[in-house]
N, C-alpha and C. Protein backbone atom coordinates (compact mmCIF):
# COMPACT_ATOMS: atom_id res chain seq x y z
N MET A 1 -1.67 51.96 -29.23
CA MET A 1 -0.34 51.94 -29.82
C MET A 1 0.35 50.63 -29.48
N SER A 2 1.04 50.10 -30.43
CA SER A 2 1.78 48.87 -30.22
C SER A 2 3.24 49.20 -29.95
N ASP A 3 3.87 48.30 -29.23
CA ASP A 3 5.27 48.49 -28.88
C ASP A 3 6.11 48.14 -30.10
N PRO A 4 7.01 49.05 -30.56
CA PRO A 4 7.79 48.77 -31.76
C PRO A 4 8.90 47.74 -31.52
N ARG A 5 9.22 47.45 -30.25
CA ARG A 5 10.28 46.48 -29.98
C ARG A 5 9.73 45.05 -30.11
N PRO A 6 10.50 44.15 -30.69
CA PRO A 6 10.03 42.76 -30.78
C PRO A 6 10.10 42.10 -29.40
N ALA A 7 9.22 41.16 -29.19
CA ALA A 7 9.19 40.44 -27.92
C ALA A 7 10.40 39.50 -27.84
N LEU A 8 11.12 39.61 -26.73
CA LEU A 8 12.28 38.74 -26.53
C LEU A 8 11.81 37.41 -25.95
N PRO A 9 12.40 36.31 -26.41
CA PRO A 9 12.01 35.03 -25.83
C PRO A 9 12.48 34.95 -24.37
N LYS A 10 11.66 34.33 -23.56
CA LYS A 10 12.02 34.17 -22.15
C LYS A 10 13.13 33.14 -22.05
N PRO A 11 14.16 33.46 -21.25
CA PRO A 11 15.22 32.46 -21.10
C PRO A 11 14.72 31.27 -20.29
N GLU A 12 15.09 30.08 -20.72
CA GLU A 12 14.66 28.87 -20.03
C GLU A 12 15.51 28.68 -18.78
N PRO A 13 14.86 28.26 -17.68
CA PRO A 13 15.66 28.02 -16.47
C PRO A 13 16.60 26.84 -16.69
N PRO A 14 17.75 26.86 -16.04
CA PRO A 14 18.67 25.74 -16.24
C PRO A 14 18.08 24.45 -15.70
N GLU A 15 18.32 23.39 -16.44
CA GLU A 15 17.78 22.09 -16.03
C GLU A 15 18.63 21.52 -14.91
N HIS A 16 17.97 21.11 -13.83
CA HIS A 16 18.67 20.50 -12.71
C HIS A 16 18.56 18.99 -12.82
N ASP A 17 19.51 18.33 -12.25
CA ASP A 17 19.47 16.87 -12.24
C ASP A 17 18.34 16.44 -11.31
N SER A 18 17.27 15.89 -11.86
CA SER A 18 16.12 15.52 -11.05
C SER A 18 16.42 14.34 -10.13
N ARG A 19 17.44 13.57 -10.46
CA ARG A 19 17.79 12.43 -9.62
C ARG A 19 18.44 12.86 -8.31
N ARG A 20 19.08 14.01 -8.30
CA ARG A 20 19.74 14.47 -7.09
C ARG A 20 18.72 14.69 -5.98
N GLY A 21 17.63 15.34 -6.28
CA GLY A 21 16.58 15.56 -5.28
C GLY A 21 15.96 14.26 -4.81
N ALA A 22 15.77 13.35 -5.73
CA ALA A 22 15.19 12.05 -5.38
C ALA A 22 16.14 11.27 -4.48
N LEU A 23 17.42 11.31 -4.77
CA LEU A 23 18.40 10.60 -3.93
C LEU A 23 18.49 11.22 -2.54
N ILE A 24 18.47 12.53 -2.47
CA ILE A 24 18.49 13.20 -1.16
C ILE A 24 17.26 12.82 -0.37
N GLY A 25 16.11 12.81 -1.02
CA GLY A 25 14.87 12.41 -0.35
C GLY A 25 14.93 10.97 0.12
N LEU A 26 15.50 10.09 -0.68
CA LEU A 26 15.63 8.69 -0.31
C LEU A 26 16.54 8.52 0.90
N VAL A 27 17.65 9.27 0.93
CA VAL A 27 18.57 9.20 2.06
C VAL A 27 17.89 9.71 3.33
N VAL A 28 17.15 10.80 3.21
CA VAL A 28 16.45 11.36 4.38
C VAL A 28 15.43 10.36 4.91
N ILE A 29 14.68 9.74 4.03
CA ILE A 29 13.68 8.76 4.45
C ILE A 29 14.36 7.55 5.10
N ALA A 30 15.46 7.09 4.51
CA ALA A 30 16.18 5.95 5.09
C ALA A 30 16.69 6.28 6.49
N LEU A 31 17.22 7.50 6.68
CA LEU A 31 17.69 7.91 8.01
C LEU A 31 16.54 7.98 9.00
N LEU A 32 15.39 8.46 8.56
CA LEU A 32 14.22 8.51 9.44
C LEU A 32 13.76 7.11 9.83
N VAL A 33 13.78 6.19 8.90
CA VAL A 33 13.38 4.81 9.21
C VAL A 33 14.35 4.18 10.20
N ILE A 34 15.65 4.38 9.99
CA ILE A 34 16.65 3.84 10.91
C ILE A 34 16.50 4.45 12.29
N ALA A 35 16.34 5.76 12.36
CA ALA A 35 16.17 6.43 13.65
C ALA A 35 14.89 5.97 14.33
N GLY A 36 13.82 5.78 13.58
CA GLY A 36 12.56 5.29 14.15
C GLY A 36 12.70 3.88 14.69
N TYR A 37 13.40 3.02 13.98
CA TYR A 37 13.62 1.65 14.44
C TYR A 37 14.41 1.63 15.74
N TRP A 38 15.48 2.43 15.79
CA TRP A 38 16.30 2.51 16.99
C TRP A 38 15.48 3.04 18.17
N LEU A 39 14.67 4.07 17.92
CA LEU A 39 13.85 4.67 18.98
C LEU A 39 12.83 3.67 19.52
N VAL A 40 12.18 2.94 18.64
CA VAL A 40 11.19 1.95 19.08
C VAL A 40 11.84 0.88 19.93
N ASN A 41 13.00 0.39 19.50
CA ASN A 41 13.69 -0.64 20.28
C ASN A 41 14.14 -0.11 21.63
N SER A 42 14.66 1.10 21.66
CA SER A 42 15.10 1.69 22.93
C SER A 42 13.92 1.87 23.89
N LEU A 43 12.81 2.36 23.38
CA LEU A 43 11.64 2.55 24.23
C LEU A 43 11.08 1.22 24.72
N ARG A 44 11.12 0.18 23.89
CA ARG A 44 10.64 -1.13 24.31
C ARG A 44 11.51 -1.69 25.43
N GLU A 45 12.83 -1.60 25.28
CA GLU A 45 13.73 -2.09 26.32
C GLU A 45 13.54 -1.32 27.63
N GLU A 46 13.40 -0.01 27.53
CA GLU A 46 13.20 0.79 28.74
C GLU A 46 11.86 0.46 29.39
N GLY A 47 10.85 0.22 28.60
CA GLY A 47 9.54 -0.16 29.13
C GLY A 47 9.60 -1.49 29.86
N GLN A 48 10.31 -2.45 29.29
CA GLN A 48 10.46 -3.75 29.95
C GLN A 48 11.21 -3.61 31.27
N ARG A 49 12.23 -2.77 31.27
CA ARG A 49 13.00 -2.56 32.50
C ARG A 49 12.14 -1.88 33.57
N GLU A 50 11.35 -0.89 33.16
CA GLU A 50 10.46 -0.20 34.11
C GLU A 50 9.38 -1.14 34.64
N ASP A 51 8.84 -2.00 33.78
CA ASP A 51 7.85 -2.97 34.24
C ASP A 51 8.46 -3.92 35.27
N CYS A 52 9.70 -4.33 35.04
CA CYS A 52 10.38 -5.22 35.97
C CYS A 52 10.57 -4.53 37.32
N MET A 53 11.04 -3.29 37.29
CA MET A 53 11.26 -2.57 38.55
C MET A 53 9.95 -2.26 39.26
N ALA A 54 8.89 -1.99 38.50
CA ALA A 54 7.59 -1.68 39.11
C ALA A 54 7.01 -2.91 39.80
N SER A 55 7.41 -4.09 39.36
CA SER A 55 6.90 -5.31 40.00
C SER A 55 7.70 -5.67 41.25
N GLY A 56 8.69 -4.86 41.58
CA GLY A 56 9.44 -5.06 42.81
C GLY A 56 10.68 -5.91 42.68
N ARG A 57 11.05 -6.28 41.50
CA ARG A 57 12.24 -7.11 41.32
C ARG A 57 13.51 -6.25 41.43
N THR A 58 14.61 -6.88 41.77
CA THR A 58 15.88 -6.15 41.87
C THR A 58 16.89 -6.60 40.82
N ASN A 59 16.60 -7.64 40.07
CA ASN A 59 17.54 -8.15 39.05
C ASN A 59 16.99 -7.88 37.65
N CYS A 60 16.73 -6.62 37.34
CA CYS A 60 16.06 -6.28 36.08
C CYS A 60 17.02 -6.08 34.91
N VAL A 61 18.30 -5.91 35.15
CA VAL A 61 19.24 -5.67 34.07
C VAL A 61 19.63 -7.01 33.46
N PRO A 62 19.44 -7.16 32.13
CA PRO A 62 19.80 -8.44 31.50
C PRO A 62 21.32 -8.64 31.51
N LEU A 63 21.75 -9.86 31.74
CA LEU A 63 23.17 -10.19 31.76
C LEU A 63 23.54 -10.89 30.47
N ASP A 64 24.69 -10.51 29.93
CA ASP A 64 25.21 -11.17 28.73
C ASP A 64 26.20 -12.23 29.17
N ILE A 65 25.73 -13.47 29.23
CA ILE A 65 26.57 -14.59 29.66
C ILE A 65 26.89 -15.41 28.42
N PRO A 66 28.19 -15.59 28.14
CA PRO A 66 28.54 -16.38 26.95
C PRO A 66 28.15 -17.84 27.13
N ARG A 67 27.66 -18.45 26.08
CA ARG A 67 27.25 -19.85 26.12
C ARG A 67 28.45 -20.75 25.88
N LYS A 68 28.44 -21.88 26.56
CA LYS A 68 29.50 -22.87 26.34
C LYS A 68 29.04 -23.80 25.23
N ASN A 69 29.92 -24.05 24.30
CA ASN A 69 29.59 -24.94 23.18
C ASN A 69 30.01 -26.33 23.43
């Protein structure tokens, strides 16, 4: 037996702005790159400081001395 009711068309899902997801992904990746850069620099500075202290030095903290022009 066949169904006497006609087949209803399936409603199409609403179209989302595909650029929104791409922009969010780009922002997330940019934040990860910035955080990774900061982390690498922080770890490098700490490693240099630890190497200095491990060698027995006591003046391991870099000084910011303004240059005379």
